[in-house]
């Protein structure tokens, strides 16, 4: 357990540790934005297709 704690402390003191964490946070934010965008576009596309289907059904 002591070696594990020492490894964590060493990782946090290195310059690469915070950089990796910053990249992970940026990646997480990008993923959240992408998921939100795809969800919104999907909802808008579904509404548009429904409008087209309804207008085609009404025109028949």
N, C-alpha and C. Protein backbone atom coordinates (compact mmCIF):
# COMPACT_ATOMS: atom_id res chain seq x y z
N UNK A 1 0.84 -1.20 0.00
CA UNK A 1 0.00 0.00 0.00
C UNK A 1 0.87 1.25 0.00
N UNK A 2 2.01 1.17 0.69
CA UNK A 2 2.90 2.32 0.75
C UNK A 2 3.47 2.64 -0.63
N UNK A 3 3.80 1.60 -1.40
CA UNK A 3 4.32 1.82 -2.75
C UNK A 3 3.27 2.47 -3.64
N UNK A 4 2.02 2.07 -3.47
CA UNK A 4 0.94 2.66 -4.25
C UNK A 4 0.80 4.15 -3.95
N UNK A 5 0.82 4.51 -2.66
CA UNK A 5 0.71 5.91 -2.26
C UNK A 5 1.90 6.71 -2.77
N UNK A 6 3.08 6.13 -2.70
CA UNK A 6 4.27 6.83 -3.22
C UNK A 6 4.17 7.03 -4.72
N UNK A 7 3.63 6.05 -5.41
CA UNK A 7 3.44 6.17 -6.86
C UNK A 7 2.47 7.27 -7.22
N UNK A 8 1.39 7.38 -6.44
CA UNK A 8 0.41 8.45 -6.67
C UNK A 8 1.04 9.82 -6.44
N UNK A 9 1.80 9.96 -5.36
CA UNK A 9 2.45 11.24 -5.06
C UNK A 9 3.44 11.59 -6.16
N UNK A 10 4.21 10.61 -6.60
CA UNK A 10 5.19 10.85 -7.66
C UNK A 10 4.48 11.25 -8.96
N UNK A 11 3.37 10.57 -9.26
CA UNK A 11 2.61 10.90 -10.48
C UNK A 11 2.09 12.33 -10.42
N UNK A 12 1.59 12.74 -9.27
CA UNK A 12 1.03 14.09 -9.14
C UNK A 12 2.11 15.17 -9.18
N UNK A 13 3.34 14.83 -8.78
CA UNK A 13 4.42 15.80 -8.79
C UNK A 13 5.03 15.98 -10.17
N UNK A 14 4.89 14.99 -11.02
CA UNK A 14 5.45 15.08 -12.37
C UNK A 14 4.64 16.07 -13.20
N UNK A 15 5.27 16.61 -14.21
CA UNK A 15 4.60 17.54 -15.11
C UNK A 15 3.59 16.84 -16.01
N UNK A 16 3.83 15.58 -16.34
CA UNK A 16 2.95 14.87 -17.25
C UNK A 16 1.60 14.54 -16.62
N UNK A 17 1.56 14.39 -15.32
CA UNK A 17 0.31 14.05 -14.64
C UNK A 17 -0.77 15.09 -14.83
N UNK A 18 -0.51 16.34 -14.47
CA UNK A 18 -1.54 17.37 -14.66
C UNK A 18 -1.91 17.56 -16.13
N UNK A 19 -0.93 17.41 -17.02
CA UNK A 19 -1.23 17.57 -18.44
C UNK A 19 -2.19 16.48 -18.90
N UNK A 20 -1.96 15.25 -18.47
CA UNK A 20 -2.85 14.16 -18.84
C UNK A 20 -4.25 14.40 -18.28
N UNK A 21 -4.34 14.90 -17.07
CA UNK A 21 -5.64 15.18 -16.47
C UNK A 21 -6.35 16.30 -17.23
N UNK A 22 -5.61 17.32 -17.62
CA UNK A 22 -6.21 18.41 -18.39
C UNK A 22 -6.75 17.91 -19.72
N UNK A 23 -5.99 17.06 -20.40
CA UNK A 23 -6.46 16.50 -21.66
C UNK A 23 -7.69 15.62 -21.45
N UNK A 24 -7.73 14.87 -20.37
CA UNK A 24 -8.88 14.03 -20.08
C UNK A 24 -10.13 14.88 -19.83
N UNK A 25 -9.97 15.99 -19.12
CA UNK A 25 -11.10 16.88 -18.86
C UNK A 25 -11.59 17.51 -20.16
N UNK A 26 -10.65 17.96 -21.00
CA UNK A 26 -11.03 18.54 -22.29
C UNK A 26 -11.77 17.52 -23.15
N UNK A 27 -11.26 16.30 -23.18
CA UNK A 27 -11.91 15.25 -23.96
C UNK A 27 -13.31 14.97 -23.44
N UNK A 28 -13.48 14.94 -22.12
CA UNK A 28 -14.80 14.71 -21.54
C UNK A 28 -15.77 15.83 -21.92
N UNK A 29 -15.30 17.06 -21.91
CA UNK A 29 -16.17 18.18 -22.29
C UNK A 29 -16.54 18.11 -23.76
N UNK A 30 -15.59 17.75 -24.61
CA UNK A 30 -15.88 17.63 -26.04
C UNK A 30 -16.91 16.53 -26.28
N UNK A 31 -16.78 15.42 -25.58
CA UNK A 31 -17.73 14.31 -25.72
C UNK A 31 -19.12 14.76 -25.29
N UNK A 32 -19.22 15.49 -24.19
CA UNK A 32 -20.52 15.96 -23.70
C UNK A 32 -21.16 16.89 -24.72
N UNK A 33 -20.38 17.79 -25.29
CA UNK A 33 -20.91 18.72 -26.30
C UNK A 33 -21.36 17.96 -27.54
N UNK A 34 -20.57 16.99 -27.97
CA UNK A 34 -20.95 16.19 -29.14
C UNK A 34 -22.24 15.42 -28.91
N UNK A 35 -22.38 14.82 -27.75
CA UNK A 35 -23.59 14.06 -27.44
C UNK A 35 -24.80 14.99 -27.42
N UNK A 36 -24.64 16.16 -26.83
CA UNK A 36 -25.74 17.13 -26.81
C UNK A 36 -26.12 17.60 -28.20
N UNK A 37 -25.12 17.84 -29.03
CA UNK A 37 -25.38 18.30 -30.39
C UNK A 37 -26.08 17.22 -31.21
N UNK A 38 -25.60 16.00 -31.11
CA UNK A 38 -26.23 14.91 -31.86
C UNK A 38 -27.66 14.70 -31.38
N UNK A 39 -27.89 14.80 -30.09
CA UNK A 39 -29.25 14.67 -29.57
C UNK A 39 -30.18 15.74 -30.10
N UNK A 40 -29.70 16.97 -30.12
CA UNK A 40 -30.51 18.08 -30.62
C UNK A 40 -30.77 17.93 -32.11
N UNK A 41 -29.73 17.60 -32.89
CA UNK A 41 -29.91 17.42 -34.32
C UNK A 41 -30.86 16.26 -34.61
N UNK A 42 -30.77 15.20 -33.83
CA UNK A 42 -31.66 14.06 -34.02
C UNK A 42 -33.10 14.43 -33.75
N UNK A 43 -33.33 15.20 -32.72
CA UNK A 43 -34.69 15.63 -32.40
C UNK A 43 -35.24 16.53 -33.50
N UNK A 44 -34.42 17.47 -33.97
CA UNK A 44 -34.85 18.36 -35.04
C UNK A 44 -35.11 17.60 -36.34
N UNK A 45 -34.25 16.64 -36.66
CA UNK A 45 -34.43 15.86 -37.88
C UNK A 45 -35.70 15.01 -37.78
N UNK A 46 -35.95 14.44 -36.61
CA UNK A 46 -37.16 13.64 -36.44
C UNK A 46 -38.41 14.48 -36.65
N UNK A 47 -38.40 15.69 -36.11
CA UNK A 47 -39.55 16.58 -36.28
C UNK A 47 -39.73 16.95 -37.75
N UNK A 48 -38.63 17.20 -38.44
CA UNK A 48 -38.71 17.57 -39.86
C UNK A 48 -39.26 16.40 -40.69
N UNK A 49 -38.76 15.19 -40.44
CA UNK A 49 -39.24 14.03 -41.18
C UNK A 49 -40.71 13.77 -40.90
N UNK A 50 -41.13 14.01 -39.66
CA UNK A 50 -42.55 13.82 -39.32
C UNK A 50 -43.41 14.83 -40.07
N UNK A 51 -42.93 16.08 -40.15
CA UNK A 51 -43.69 17.10 -40.90
C UNK A 51 -43.82 16.70 -42.37
N UNK A 52 -42.74 16.22 -42.96
CA UNK A 52 -42.77 15.81 -44.37
C UNK A 52 -43.72 14.62 -44.55
N UNK A 53 -43.62 13.65 -43.64
CA UNK A 53 -44.51 12.47 -43.75
C UNK A 53 -45.97 12.88 -43.61
N UNK A 54 -46.25 13.78 -42.68
CA UNK A 54 -47.64 14.24 -42.50
C UNK A 54 -48.14 14.98 -43.72
N UNK A 55 -47.29 15.82 -44.34
CA UNK A 55 -47.72 16.57 -45.51
C UNK A 55 -47.91 15.64 -46.71
N UNK A 56 -47.08 14.59 -46.80
CA UNK A 56 -47.26 13.63 -47.90
C UNK A 56 -48.53 12.82 -47.70
N UNK A 57 -48.85 12.47 -46.45
CA UNK A 57 -50.06 11.71 -46.17
C UNK A 57 -51.30 12.56 -46.44
N UNK A 58 -51.21 13.84 -46.13
CA UNK A 58 -52.36 14.74 -46.34
C UNK A 58 -52.56 15.02 -47.83
N UNK A 59 -51.48 14.99 -48.60
CA UNK A 59 -51.59 15.28 -50.03
C UNK A 59 -52.09 14.09 -50.85
N UNK A 60 -52.06 12.90 -50.27
CA UNK A 60 -52.47 11.72 -51.03
C UNK A 60 -53.95 11.63 -51.18
